[in-house]
Amino acid sequence: MEQQVAVEALGALAQEARLTVFRLLVKAGPGGMTAGDIAAAVGLAASTMSHHLGALERAGLARSRRDGRTVVYAADYEGTRRLLAFLMEDCCQGRPEICGTGLAPAAAYPAC
């Protein structure tokens, strides 16, 4: 991951509503949530929620898909893994396994 891409992803998370939404999507799992359910859970108007979801999607931290007339959003686990790997790649003098981060390769999480 390039540093500028990481800066954009971290910038998307550096806003309280977006961080709350991102954590909600991570908790929801790969099935995701509808935009309306997300807005209701966070207590924001649909138009405001659309703005925040778009920012997370552009940052590579969320994905959307159509389900009929509904848009479902889910965390982009691969994008999140890339960001975390970038942040930790030089941990402990290039030996991230001793940092105790709990980060594992994508293959360790087949459901995500």
PDB file of N, CA and C in Angstrom:
ATOM      1  N   MET A   1       0.852  -1.174   0.000  1.00  0.00           N
ATOM      2  CA  MET A   1       0.000   0.000   0.000  1.00  0.00           C
ATOM      3  C   MET A   1       0.898   1.238   0.000  1.00  0.00           C
ATOM      4  N   GLU A   2       0.539   2.194  -0.802  1.00  0.00           N
ATOM      5  CA  GLU A   2       1.267   3.447  -0.841  1.00  0.00           C
ATOM      6  C   GLU A   2       0.857   4.313   0.339  1.00  0.00           C
ATOM      7  N   GLN A   3       1.772   5.143   0.778  1.00  0.00           N
ATOM      8  CA  GLN A   3       1.506   5.981   1.945  1.00  0.00           C
ATOM      9  C   GLN A   3       0.302   6.888   1.724  1.00  0.00           C
ATOM     10  N   GLN A   4       0.147   7.462   0.537  1.00  0.00           N
ATOM     11  CA  GLN A   4      -0.978   8.365   0.284  1.00  0.00           C
ATOM     12  C   GLN A   4      -2.320   7.637   0.411  1.00  0.00           C
ATOM     13  N   VAL A   5      -2.381   6.377  -0.018  1.00  0.00           N
ATOM     14  CA  VAL A   5      -3.610   5.586   0.115  1.00  0.00           C
ATOM     15  C   VAL A   5      -3.907   5.364   1.590  1.00  0.00           C
ATOM     16  N   ALA A   6      -2.873   5.090   2.379  1.00  0.00           N
ATOM     17  CA  ALA A   6      -3.059   4.907   3.821  1.00  0.00           C
ATOM     18  C   ALA A   6      -3.534   6.204   4.474  1.00  0.00           C
ATOM     19  N   VAL A   7      -2.984   7.318   4.062  1.00  0.00           N
ATOM     20  CA  VAL A   7      -3.396   8.615   4.603  1.00  0.00           C
ATOM     21  C   VAL A   7      -4.875   8.865   4.314  1.00  0.00           C
ATOM     22  N   GLU A   8      -5.315   8.541   3.103  1.00  0.00           N
ATOM     23  CA  GLU A   8      -6.724   8.723   2.743  1.00  0.00           C
ATOM     24  C   GLU A   8      -7.627   7.820   3.574  1.00  0.00           C
ATOM     25  N   ALA A   9      -7.211   6.568   3.788  1.00  0.00           N
ATOM     26  CA  ALA A   9      -8.011   5.645   4.597  1.00  0.00           C
ATOM     27  C   ALA A   9      -8.079   6.115   6.037  1.00  0.00           C
ATOM     28  N   LEU A  10      -6.949   6.520   6.578  1.00  0.00           N
ATOM     29  CA  LEU A  10      -6.948   7.010   7.957  1.00  0.00           C
ATOM     30  C   LEU A  10      -7.742   8.304   8.080  1.00  0.00           C
ATOM     31  N   GLY A  11      -7.678   9.133   7.052  1.00  0.00           N
ATOM     32  CA  GLY A  11      -8.474  10.361   7.050  1.00  0.00           C
ATOM     33  C   GLY A  11      -9.966  10.071   7.074  1.00  0.00           C
ATOM     34  N   ALA A  12     -10.367   9.033   6.360  1.00  0.00           N
ATOM     35  CA  ALA A  12     -11.791   8.657   6.365  1.00  0.00           C
ATOM     36  C   ALA A  12     -12.223   8.210   7.750  1.00  0.00           C
ATOM     37  N   LEU A  13     -11.333   7.561   8.478  1.00  0.00           N
ATOM     38  CA  LEU A  13     -11.663   7.091   9.824  1.00  0.00           C
ATOM     39  C   LEU A  13     -11.510   8.180  10.885  1.00  0.00           C
ATOM     40  N   ALA A  14     -10.897   9.297  10.525  1.00  0.00           N
ATOM     41  CA  ALA A  14     -10.628  10.373  11.478  1.00  0.00           C
ATOM     42  C   ALA A  14     -11.824  11.304  11.622  1.00  0.00           C
ATOM     43  N   GLN A  15     -12.999  10.728  11.636  1.00  0.00           N
ATOM     44  CA  GLN A  15     -14.242  11.472  11.803  1.00  0.00           C
ATOM     45  C   GLN A  15     -15.165  10.570  12.616  1.00  0.00           C
ATOM     46  N   GLU A  16     -15.757  11.094  13.653  1.00  0.00           N
ATOM     47  CA  GLU A  16     -16.483  10.269  14.625  1.00  0.00           C
ATOM     48  C   GLU A  16     -17.590   9.418  14.009  1.00  0.00           C
ATOM     49  N   ALA A  17     -18.418   9.991  13.164  1.00  0.00           N
ATOM     50  CA  ALA A  17     -19.528   9.223  12.580  1.00  0.00           C
ATOM     51  C   ALA A  17     -19.002   8.109  11.684  1.00  0.00           C
ATOM     52  N   ARG A  18     -17.980   8.414  10.876  1.00  0.00           N
ATOM     53  CA  ARG A  18     -17.439   7.382   9.981  1.00  0.00           C
ATOM     54  C   ARG A  18     -16.759   6.266  10.753  1.00  0.00           C
ATOM     55  N   LEU A  19     -16.053   6.597  11.809  1.00  0.00           N
ATOM     56  CA  LEU A  19     -15.434   5.560  12.631  1.00  0.00           C
ATOM     57  C   LEU A  19     -16.500   4.677  13.262  1.00  0.00           C
ATOM     58  N   THR A  20     -17.576   5.280  13.728  1.00  0.00           N
ATOM     59  CA  THR A  20     -18.697   4.523  14.308  1.00  0.00           C
ATOM     60  C   THR A  20     -19.316   3.600  13.260  1.00  0.00           C
ATOM     61  N   VAL A  21     -19.532   4.112  12.057  1.00  0.00           N
ATOM     62  CA  VAL A  21     -20.115   3.311  10.980  1.00  0.00           C
ATOM     63  C   VAL A  21     -19.183   2.177  10.596  1.00  0.00           C
ATOM     64  N   PHE A  22     -17.897   2.467  10.469  1.00  0.00           N
ATOM     65  CA  PHE A  22     -16.938   1.429  10.104  1.00  0.00           C
ATOM     66  C   PHE A  22     -16.941   0.311  11.146  1.00  0.00           C
ATOM     67  N   ARG A  23     -16.910   0.655  12.398  1.00  0.00           N
ATOM     68  CA  ARG A  23     -16.923  -0.373  13.456  1.00  0.00           C
ATOM     69  C   ARG A  23     -18.226  -1.163  13.434  1.00  0.00           C
ATOM     70  N   LEU A  24     -19.326  -0.497  13.134  1.00  0.00           N
ATOM     71  CA  LEU A  24     -20.617  -1.177  13.015  1.00  0.00           C
ATOM     72  C   LEU A  24     -20.595  -2.183  11.864  1.00  0.00           C
ATOM     73  N   LEU A  25     -20.011  -1.795  10.734  1.00  0.00           N
ATOM     74  CA  LEU A  25     -19.922  -2.690   9.584  1.00  0.00           C
ATOM     75  C   LEU A  25     -19.005  -3.873   9.862  1.00  0.00           C
ATOM     76  N   VAL A  26     -17.910  -3.630  10.549  1.00  0.00           N
ATOM     77  CA  VAL A  26     -17.016  -4.731  10.910  1.00  0.00           C
ATOM     78  C   VAL A  26     -17.769  -5.719  11.790  1.00  0.00           C
ATOM     79  N   LYS A  27     -18.517  -5.206  12.737  1.00  0.00           N
ATOM     80  CA  LYS A  27     -19.292  -6.059  13.649  1.00  0.00           C
ATOM     81  C   LYS A  27     -20.379  -6.828  12.902  1.00  0.00           C
ATOM     82  N   ALA A  28     -20.975  -6.209  11.892  1.00  0.00           N
ATOM     83  CA  ALA A  28     -22.066  -6.838  11.140  1.00  0.00           C
ATOM     84  C   ALA A  28     -21.589  -8.039  10.327  1.00  0.00           C
ATOM     85  N   GLY A  29     -20.323  -8.053   9.968  1.00  0.00           N
ATOM     86  CA  GLY A  29     -19.792  -9.180   9.201  1.00  0.00           C
ATOM     87  C   GLY A  29     -19.972  -8.998   7.712  1.00  0.00           C
ATOM     88  N   PRO A  30     -19.610 -10.030   6.950  1.00  0.00           N
ATOM     89  CA  PRO A  30     -19.620  -9.937   5.488  1.00  0.00           C
ATOM     90  C   PRO A  30     -21.006  -9.702   4.891  1.00  0.00           C
ATOM     91  N   GLY A  31     -22.060 -10.053   5.612  1.00  0.00           N
ATOM     92  CA  GLY A  31     -23.413  -9.823   5.106  1.00  0.00           C
ATOM     93  C   GLY A  31     -23.780  -8.360   5.048  1.00  0.00           C
ATOM     94  N   GLY A  32     -23.121  -7.560   5.870  1.00  0.00           N
ATOM     95  CA  GLY A  32     -23.338  -6.121   5.860  1.00  0.00           C
ATOM     96  C   GLY A  32     -24.682  -5.682   6.410  1.00  0.00           C
ATOM     97  N   MET A  33     -25.021  -4.450   6.120  1.00  0.00           N
ATOM     98  CA  MET A  33     -26.258  -3.824   6.582  1.00  0.00           C
ATOM     99  C   MET A  33     -26.774  -2.892   5.498  1.00  0.00           C
ATOM    100  N   THR A  34     -28.076  -2.695   5.492  1.00  0.00           N
ATOM    101  CA  THR A  34     -28.640  -1.732   4.555  1.00  0.00           C
ATOM    102  C   THR A  34     -28.288  -0.321   5.012  1.00  0.00           C
ATOM    103  N   ALA A  35     -28.261   0.589   4.068  1.00  0.00           N
ATOM    104  CA  ALA A  35     -27.958   1.977   4.394  1.00  0.00           C
ATOM    105  C   ALA A  35     -28.958   2.520   5.413  1.00  0.00           C
ATOM    106  N   GLY A  36     -30.213   2.160   5.273  1.00  0.00           N
ATOM    107  CA  GLY A  36     -31.238   2.617   6.212  1.00  0.00           C
ATOM    108  C   GLY A  36     -31.011   2.092   7.619  1.00  0.00           C
ATOM    109  N   ASP A  37     -30.625   0.832   7.730  1.00  0.00           N
ATOM    110  CA  ASP A  37     -30.351   0.255   9.045  1.00  0.00           C
ATOM    111  C   ASP A  37     -29.130   0.908   9.691  1.00  0.00           C
ATOM    112  N   ILE A  38     -28.132   1.218   8.873  1.00  0.00           N
ATOM    113  CA  ILE A  38     -26.945   1.892   9.392  1.00  0.00           C
ATOM    114  C   ILE A  38     -27.322   3.277   9.907  1.00  0.00           C
ATOM    115  N   ALA A  39     -28.071   4.029   9.111  1.00  0.00           N
ATOM    116  CA  ALA A  39     -28.491   5.371   9.505  1.00  0.00           C
ATOM    117  C   ALA A  39     -29.289   5.333  10.800  1.00  0.00           C
ATOM    118  N   ALA A  40     -30.195   4.366  10.922  1.00  0.00           N
ATOM    119  CA  ALA A  40     -31.004   4.249  12.135  1.00  0.00           C
ATOM    120  C   ALA A  40     -30.136   3.900  13.342  1.00  0.00           C
ATOM    121  N   ALA A  41     -29.176   3.004  13.149  1.00  0.00           N
ATOM    122  CA  ALA A  41     -28.319   2.585  14.258  1.00  0.00           C
ATOM    123  C   ALA A  41     -27.422   3.721  14.743  1.00  0.00           C
ATOM    124  N   VAL A  42     -26.994   4.570  13.827  1.00  0.00           N
ATOM    125  CA  VAL A  42     -26.091   5.659  14.172  1.00  0.00           C
ATOM    126  C   VAL A  42     -26.857   6.938  14.513  1.00  0.00           C
ATOM    127  N   GLY A  43     -28.097   7.023  14.059  1.00  0.00           N
ATOM    128  CA  GLY A  43     -28.914   8.196  14.350  1.00  0.00           C
ATOM    129  C   GLY A  43     -28.623   9.385  13.457  1.00  0.00           C
ATOM    130  N   LEU A  44     -28.315   9.113  12.196  1.00  0.00           N
ATOM    131  CA  LEU A  44     -28.053  10.186  11.241  1.00  0.00           C
ATOM    132  C   LEU A  44     -29.061  10.143  10.105  1.00  0.00           C
ATOM    133  N   ALA A  45     -29.268  11.279   9.472  1.00  0.00           N
ATOM    134  CA  ALA A  45     -30.160  11.360   8.318  1.00  0.00           C
ATOM    135  C   ALA A  45     -29.570  10.577   7.152  1.00  0.00           C
ATOM    136  N   ALA A  46     -30.435  10.086   6.284  1.00  0.00           N
ATOM    137  CA  ALA A  46     -29.995   9.264   5.150  1.00  0.00           C
ATOM    138  C   ALA A  46     -29.000  10.000   4.256  1.00  0.00           C
ATOM    139  N   SER A  47     -29.229  11.282   4.017  1.00  0.00           N
ATOM    140  CA  SER A  47     -28.322  12.032   3.144  1.00  0.00           C
ATOM    141  C   SER A  47     -26.937  12.171   3.782  1.00  0.00           C
ATOM    142  N   THR A  48     -26.895  12.412   5.066  1.00  0.00           N
ATOM    143  CA  THR A  48     -25.622  12.500   5.781  1.00  0.00           C
ATOM    144  C   THR A  48     -24.930  11.146   5.778  1.00  0.00           C
ATOM    145  N   MET A  49     -25.715  10.091   5.986  1.00  0.00           N
ATOM    146  CA  MET A  49     -25.152   8.736   6.006  1.00  0.00           C
ATOM    147  C   MET A  49     -24.570   8.385   4.645  1.00  0.00           C
ATOM    148  N   SER A  50     -25.231   8.775   3.586  1.00  0.00           N
ATOM    149  CA  SER A  50     -24.742   8.511   2.238  1.00  0.00           C
ATOM    150  C   SER A  50     -23.360   9.133   2.043  1.00  0.00           C
ATOM    151  N   HIS A  51     -23.180  10.335   2.531  1.00  0.00           N
ATOM    152  CA  HIS A  51     -21.887  11.030   2.438  1.00  0.00           C
ATOM    153  C   HIS A  51     -20.804  10.228   3.170  1.00  0.00           C
ATOM    154  N   HIS A  52     -21.084   9.789   4.385  1.00  0.00           N
ATOM    155  CA  HIS A  52     -20.099   9.050   5.178  1.00  0.00           C
ATOM    156  C   HIS A  52     -19.788   7.683   4.565  1.00  0.00           C
ATOM    157  N   LEU A  53     -20.805   6.989   4.092  1.00  0.00           N
ATOM    158  CA  LEU A  53     -20.586   5.679   3.473  1.00  0.00           C
ATOM    159  C   LEU A  53     -19.761   5.817   2.198  1.00  0.00           C
ATOM    160  N   GLY A  54     -20.019   6.868   1.440  1.00  0.00           N
ATOM    161  CA  GLY A  54     -19.241   7.124   0.234  1.00  0.00           C
ATOM    162  C   GLY A  54     -17.773   7.374   0.553  1.00  0.00           C
ATOM    163  N   ALA A  55     -17.513   8.110   1.631  1.00  0.00           N
ATOM    164  CA  ALA A  55     -16.132   8.376   2.027  1.00  0.00           C
ATOM    165  C   ALA A  55     -15.424   7.086   2.426  1.00  0.00           C
ATOM    166  N   LEU A  56     -16.113   6.215   3.155  1.00  0.00           N
ATOM    167  CA  LEU A  56     -15.519   4.936   3.547  1.00  0.00           C
ATOM    168  C   LEU A  56     -15.275   4.049   2.331  1.00  0.00           C
ATOM    169  N   GLU A  57     -16.202   4.102   1.386  1.00  0.00           N
ATOM    170  CA  GLU A  57     -16.050   3.294   0.173  1.00  0.00           C
ATOM    171  C   GLU A  57     -14.873   3.794  -0.670  1.00  0.00           C
ATOM    172  N   ARG A  58     -14.759   5.089  -0.851  1.00  0.00           N
ATOM    173  CA  ARG A  58     -13.644   5.659  -1.628  1.00  0.00           C
ATOM    174  C   ARG A  58     -12.299   5.352  -0.966  1.00  0.00           C
ATOM    175  N   ALA A  59     -12.303   5.231   0.360  1.00  0.00           N
ATOM    176  CA  ALA A  59     -11.070   4.946   1.099  1.00  0.00           C
ATOM    177  C   ALA A  59     -10.714   3.464   1.091  1.00  0.00           C
ATOM    178  N   GLY A  60     -11.572   2.628   0.494  1.00  0.00           N
ATOM    179  CA  GLY A  60     -11.294   1.199   0.437  1.00  0.00           C
ATOM    180  C   GLY A  60     -11.584   0.459   1.723  1.00  0.00           C
ATOM    181  N   LEU A  61     -12.447   1.033   2.567  1.00  0.00           N
ATOM    182  CA  LEU A  61     -12.771   0.425   3.854  1.00  0.00           C
ATOM    183  C   LEU A  61     -14.184  -0.136   3.904  1.00  0.00           C
ATOM    184  N   ALA A  62     -14.973   0.130   2.877  1.00  0.00           N
ATOM    185  CA  ALA A  62     -16.345  -0.390   2.800  1.00  0.00           C
ATOM    186  C   ALA A  62     -16.664  -0.687   1.348  1.00  0.00           C
ATOM    187  N   ARG A  63     -17.626  -1.579   1.154  1.00  0.00           N
ATOM    188  CA  ARG A  63     -18.113  -1.925  -0.181  1.00  0.00           C
ATOM    189  C   ARG A  63     -19.631  -1.874  -0.163  1.00  0.00           C
ATOM    190  N   SER A  64     -20.189  -1.603  -1.319  1.00  0.00           N
ATOM    191  CA  SER A  64     -21.654  -1.606  -1.428  1.00  0.00           C
ATOM    192  C   SER A  64     -22.072  -2.572  -2.522  1.00  0.00           C
ATOM    193  N   ARG A  65     -23.287  -3.067  -2.376  1.00  0.00           N
ATOM    194  CA  ARG A  65     -23.876  -3.920  -3.416  1.00  0.00           C
ATOM    195  C   ARG A  65     -25.378  -3.673  -3.412  1.00  0.00           C
ATOM    196  N   ARG A  66     -25.965  -3.855  -4.567  1.00  0.00           N
ATOM    197  CA  ARG A  66     -27.417  -3.699  -4.690  1.00  0.00           C
ATOM    198  C   ARG A  66     -28.089  -5.024  -4.390  1.00  0.00           C
ATOM    199  N   ASP A  67     -29.167  -4.937  -3.652  1.00  0.00           N
ATOM    200  CA  ASP A  67     -30.030  -6.083  -3.373  1.00  0.00           C
ATOM    201  C   ASP A  67     -31.441  -5.609  -3.700  1.00  0.00           C
ATOM    202  N   GLY A  68     -31.801  -5.751  -4.982  1.00  0.00           N
ATOM    203  CA  GLY A  68     -33.071  -5.192  -5.440  1.00  0.00           C
ATOM    204  C   GLY A  68     -32.981  -3.677  -5.439  1.00  0.00           C
ATOM    205  N   ARG A  69     -33.874  -3.038  -4.696  1.00  0.00           N
ATOM    206  CA  ARG A  69     -33.866  -1.573  -4.606  1.00  0.00           C
ATOM    207  C   ARG A  69     -33.069  -1.066  -3.413  1.00  0.00           C
ATOM    208  N   THR A  70     -32.491  -1.976  -2.675  1.00  0.00           N
ATOM    209  CA  THR A  70     -31.767  -1.624  -1.457  1.00  0.00           C
ATOM    210  C   THR A  70     -30.259  -1.695  -1.707  1.00  0.00           C
ATOM    211  N   VAL A  71     -29.521  -0.810  -1.062  1.00  0.00           N
ATOM    212  CA  VAL A  71     -28.067  -0.851  -1.105  1.00  0.00           C
ATOM    213  C   VAL A  71     -27.578  -1.387   0.236  1.00  0.00           C
ATOM    214  N   VAL A  72     -26.747  -2.419   0.157  1.00  0.00           N
ATOM    215  CA  VAL A  72     -26.190  -3.046   1.353  1.00  0.00           C
ATOM    216  C   VAL A  72     -24.706  -2.697   1.410  1.00  0.00           C
ATOM    217  N   TYR A  73     -24.263  -2.279   2.573  1.00  0.00           N
ATOM    218  CA  TYR A  73     -22.863  -1.931   2.782  1.00  0.00           C
ATOM    219  C   TYR A  73     -22.224  -2.939   3.719  1.00  0.00           C
ATOM    220  N   ALA A  74     -20.968  -3.250   3.460  1.00  0.00           N
ATOM    221  CA  ALA A  74     -20.201  -4.144   4.316  1.00  0.00           C
ATOM    222  C   ALA A  74     -18.781  -3.611   4.412  1.00  0.00           C
ATOM    223  N   ALA A  75     -18.110  -3.971   5.483  1.00  0.00           N
ATOM    224  CA  ALA A  75     -16.706  -3.601   5.620  1.00  0.00           C
ATOM    225  C   ALA A  75     -15.918  -4.275   4.505  1.00  0.00           C
ATOM    226  N   ASP A  76     -14.944  -3.587   3.980  1.00  0.00           N
ATOM    227  CA  ASP A  76     -14.026  -4.174   3.003  1.00  0.00           C
ATOM    228  C   ASP A  76     -12.871  -4.745   3.815  1.00  0.00           C
ATOM    229  N   TYR A  77     -12.959  -6.025   4.125  1.00  0.00           N
ATOM    230  CA  TYR A  77     -11.972  -6.650   5.002  1.00  0.00           C
ATOM    231  C   TYR A  77     -10.592  -6.683   4.372  1.00  0.00           C
ATOM    232  N   GLU A  78     -10.515  -6.890   3.073  1.00  0.00           N
ATOM    233  CA  GLU A  78      -9.208  -6.919   2.419  1.00  0.00           C
ATOM    234  C   GLU A  78      -8.567  -5.538   2.459  1.00  0.00           C
ATOM    235  N   GLY A  79      -9.345  -4.494   2.206  1.00  0.00           N
ATOM    236  CA  GLY A  79      -8.818  -3.136   2.295  1.00  0.00           C
ATOM    237  C   GLY A  79      -8.358  -2.807   3.704  1.00  0.00           C
ATOM    238  N   THR A  80      -9.101  -3.271   4.680  1.00  0.00           N
ATOM    239  CA  THR A  80      -8.733  -3.053   6.076  1.00  0.00           C
ATOM    240  C   THR A  80      -7.446  -3.799   6.412  1.00  0.00           C
ATOM    241  N   ARG A  81      -7.330  -5.041   5.940  1.00  0.00           N
ATOM    242  CA  ARG A  81      -6.102  -5.811   6.165  1.00  0.00           C
ATOM    243  C   ARG A  81      -4.890  -5.113   5.538  1.00  0.00           C
ATOM    244  N   ARG A  82      -5.074  -4.573   4.334  1.00  0.00           N
ATOM    245  CA  ARG A  82      -3.957  -3.877   3.677  1.00  0.00           C
ATOM    246  C   ARG A  82      -3.515  -2.668   4.505  1.00  0.00           C
ATOM    247  N   LEU A  83      -4.481  -1.918   5.042  1.00  0.00           N
ATOM    248  CA  LEU A  83      -4.155  -0.761   5.868  1.00  0.00           C
ATOM    249  C   LEU A  83      -3.419  -1.198   7.130  1.00  0.00           C
ATOM    250  N   LEU A  84      -3.929  -2.201   7.805  1.00  0.00           N
ATOM    251  CA  LEU A  84      -3.286  -2.677   9.029  1.00  0.00           C
ATOM    252  C   LEU A  84      -1.890  -3.228   8.743  1.00  0.00           C
ATOM    253  N   ALA A  85      -1.743  -3.951   7.645  1.00  0.00           N
ATOM    254  CA  ALA A  85      -0.433  -4.490   7.284  1.00  0.00           C
ATOM    255  C   ALA A  85       0.552  -3.356   7.010  1.00  0.00           C
ATOM    256  N   PHE A  86       0.096  -2.306   6.321  1.00  0.00           N
ATOM    257  CA  PHE A  86       0.948  -1.153   6.053  1.00  0.00           C
ATOM    258  C   PHE A  86       1.401  -0.521   7.361  1.00  0.00           C
ATOM    259  N   LEU A  87       0.485  -0.361   8.298  1.00  0.00           N
ATOM    260  CA  LEU A  87       0.817   0.263   9.573  1.00  0.00           C
ATOM    261  C   LEU A  87       1.788  -0.568  10.395  1.00  0.00           C
ATOM    262  N   MET A  88       1.726  -1.879  10.243  1.00  0.00           N
ATOM    263  CA  MET A  88       2.525  -2.773  11.082  1.00  0.00           C
ATOM    264  C   MET A  88       3.742  -3.380  10.384  1.00  0.00           C
ATOM    265  N   GLU A  89       3.949  -3.083   9.098  1.00  0.00           N
ATOM    266  CA  GLU A  89       4.972  -3.804   8.343  1.00  0.00           C
ATOM    267  C   GLU A  89       6.391  -3.642   8.887  1.00  0.00           C
ATOM    268  N   ASP A  90       6.679  -2.558   9.542  1.00  0.00           N
ATOM    269  CA  ASP A  90       8.025  -2.359  10.077  1.00  0.00           C
ATOM    270  C   ASP A  90       8.077  -2.547  11.591  1.00  0.00           C
ATOM    271  N   CYS A  91       7.020  -3.092  12.148  1.00  0.00           N
ATOM    272  CA  CYS A  91       6.932  -3.299  13.586  1.00  0.00           C
ATOM    273  C   CYS A  91       8.085  -4.179  14.075  1.00  0.00           C
ATOM    274  N   CYS A  92       8.639  -3.814  15.181  1.00  0.00           N
ATOM    275  CA  CYS A  92       9.658  -4.638  15.840  1.00  0.00           C
ATOM    276  C   CYS A  92      10.817  -4.962  14.891  1.00  0.00           C
ATOM    277  N   GLN A  93      11.303  -3.936  14.221  1.00  0.00           N
ATOM    278  CA  GLN A  93      12.426  -4.065  13.300  1.00  0.00           C
ATOM    279  C   GLN A  93      12.158  -5.063  12.183  1.00  0.00           C
ATOM    280  N   GLY A  94      10.936  -5.009  11.642  1.00  0.00           N
ATOM    281  CA  GLY A  94      10.574  -5.869  10.519  1.00  0.00           C
ATOM    282  C   GLY A  94      10.117  -7.256  10.915  1.00  0.00           C
ATOM    283  N   ARG A  95       9.819  -7.478  12.174  1.00  0.00           N
ATOM    284  CA  ARG A  95       9.357  -8.785  12.654  1.00  0.00           C
ATOM    285  C   ARG A  95       8.008  -8.605  13.351  1.00  0.00           C
ATOM    286  N   PRO A  96       6.935  -8.332  12.575  1.00  0.00           N
ATOM    287  CA  PRO A  96       5.631  -8.037  13.184  1.00  0.00           C
ATOM    288  C   PRO A  96       5.070  -9.184  14.011  1.00  0.00           C
ATOM    289  N   GLU A  97       5.542 -10.401  13.783  1.00  0.00           N
ATOM    290  CA  GLU A  97       5.001 -11.537  14.542  1.00  0.00           C
ATOM    291  C   GLU A  97       5.301 -11.416  16.034  1.00  0.00           C
ATOM    292  N   ILE A  98       6.322 -10.652  16.409  1.00  0.00           N
ATOM    293  CA  ILE A  98       6.615 -10.520  17.834  1.00  0.00           C
ATOM    294  C   ILE A  98       5.901  -9.338  18.485  1.00  0.00           C
ATOM    295  N   CYS A  99       5.161  -8.579  17.688  1.00  0.00           N
ATOM    296  CA  CYS A  99       4.445  -7.421  18.231  1.00  0.00           C
ATOM    297  C   CYS A  99       3.167  -7.816  18.957  1.00  0.00           C
ATOM    298  N   GLY A 100       2.705  -9.029  18.747  1.00  0.00           N
ATOM    299  CA  GLY A 100       1.497  -9.459  19.438  1.00  0.00           C
ATOM    300  C   GLY A 100       0.251  -8.742  18.979  1.00  0.00           C
ATOM    301  N   THR A 101       0.172  -8.393  17.697  1.00  0.00           N
ATOM    302  CA  THR A 101      -0.956  -7.625  17.197  1.00  0.00           C
ATOM    303  C   THR A 101      -2.177  -8.475  16.918  1.00  0.00           C
ATOM    304  N   GLY A 102      -1.992  -9.778  16.798  1.00  0.00           N
ATOM    305  CA  GLY A 102      -3.117 -10.624  16.448  1.00  0.00           C
ATOM    306  C   GLY A 102      -3.471 -10.583  14.976  1.00  0.00           C
ATOM    307  N   LEU A 103      -2.657  -9.892  14.185  1.00  0.00           N
ATOM    308  CA  LEU A 103      -2.917  -9.822  12.753  1.00  0.00           C
ATOM    309  C   LEU A 103      -2.466 -11.116  12.103  1.00  0.00           C
ATOM    310  N   ALA A 104      -3.328 -11.673  11.312  1.00  0.00           N
ATOM    311  CA  ALA A 104      -3.001 -12.908  10.617  1.00  0.00           C
ATOM    312  C   ALA A 104      -3.286 -12.714   9.134  1.00  0.00           C
ATOM    313  N   PRO A 105      -2.704 -13.556   8.289  1.00  0.00           N
ATOM    314  CA  PRO A 105      -2.981 -13.459   6.854  1.00  0.00           C
ATOM    315  C   PRO A 105      -4.461 -13.662   6.556  1.00  0.00           C
ATOM    316  N   ALA A 106      -4.904 -13.151   5.429  1.00  0.00           N
ATOM    317  CA  ALA A 106      -6.308 -13.233   5.042  1.00  0.00           C
ATOM    318  C   ALA A 106      -6.814 -14.678   5.061  1.00  0.00           C
ATOM    319  N   ALA A 107      -5.968 -15.639   4.741  1.00  0.00           N
ATOM    320  CA  ALA A 107      -6.396 -17.039   4.701  1.00  0.00           C
ATOM    321  C   ALA A 107      -6.841 -17.540   6.066  1.00  0.00           C
ATOM    322  N   ALA A 108      -6.422 -16.876   7.118  1.00  0.00           N
ATOM    323  CA  ALA A 108      -6.824 -17.299   8.471  1.00  0.00           C
ATOM    324  C   ALA A 108      -8.269 -16.926   8.766  1.00  0.00           C
ATOM    325  N   TYR A 109      -8.871 -16.065   7.950  1.00  0.00           N
ATOM    326  CA  TYR A 109     -10.235 -15.597   8.169  1.00  0.00           C
ATOM    327  C   TYR A 109     -11.088 -15.868   6.934  1.00  0.00           C
ATOM    328  N   PRO A 110     -11.362 -17.119   6.616  1.00  0.00           N
ATOM    329  CA  PRO A 110     -12.074 -17.417   5.359  1.00  0.00           C
ATOM    330  C   PRO A 110     -13.480 -16.832   5.309  1.00  0.00           C
ATOM    331  N   ALA A 111     -14.127 -16.621   6.429  1.00  0.00           N
ATOM    332  CA  ALA A 111     -15.499 -16.101   6.421  1.00  0.00           C
ATOM    333  C   ALA A 111     -15.535 -14.615   6.096  1.00  0.00           C
ATOM    334  N   CYS A 112     -14.427 -13.929   6.204  1.00  0.00           N
ATOM    335  CA  CYS A 112     -14.384 -12.506   5.956  1.00  0.00           C
ATOM    336  C   CYS A 112     -13.908 -12.248   4.564  1.00  0.00           C
TER     337      CYS A 112
END
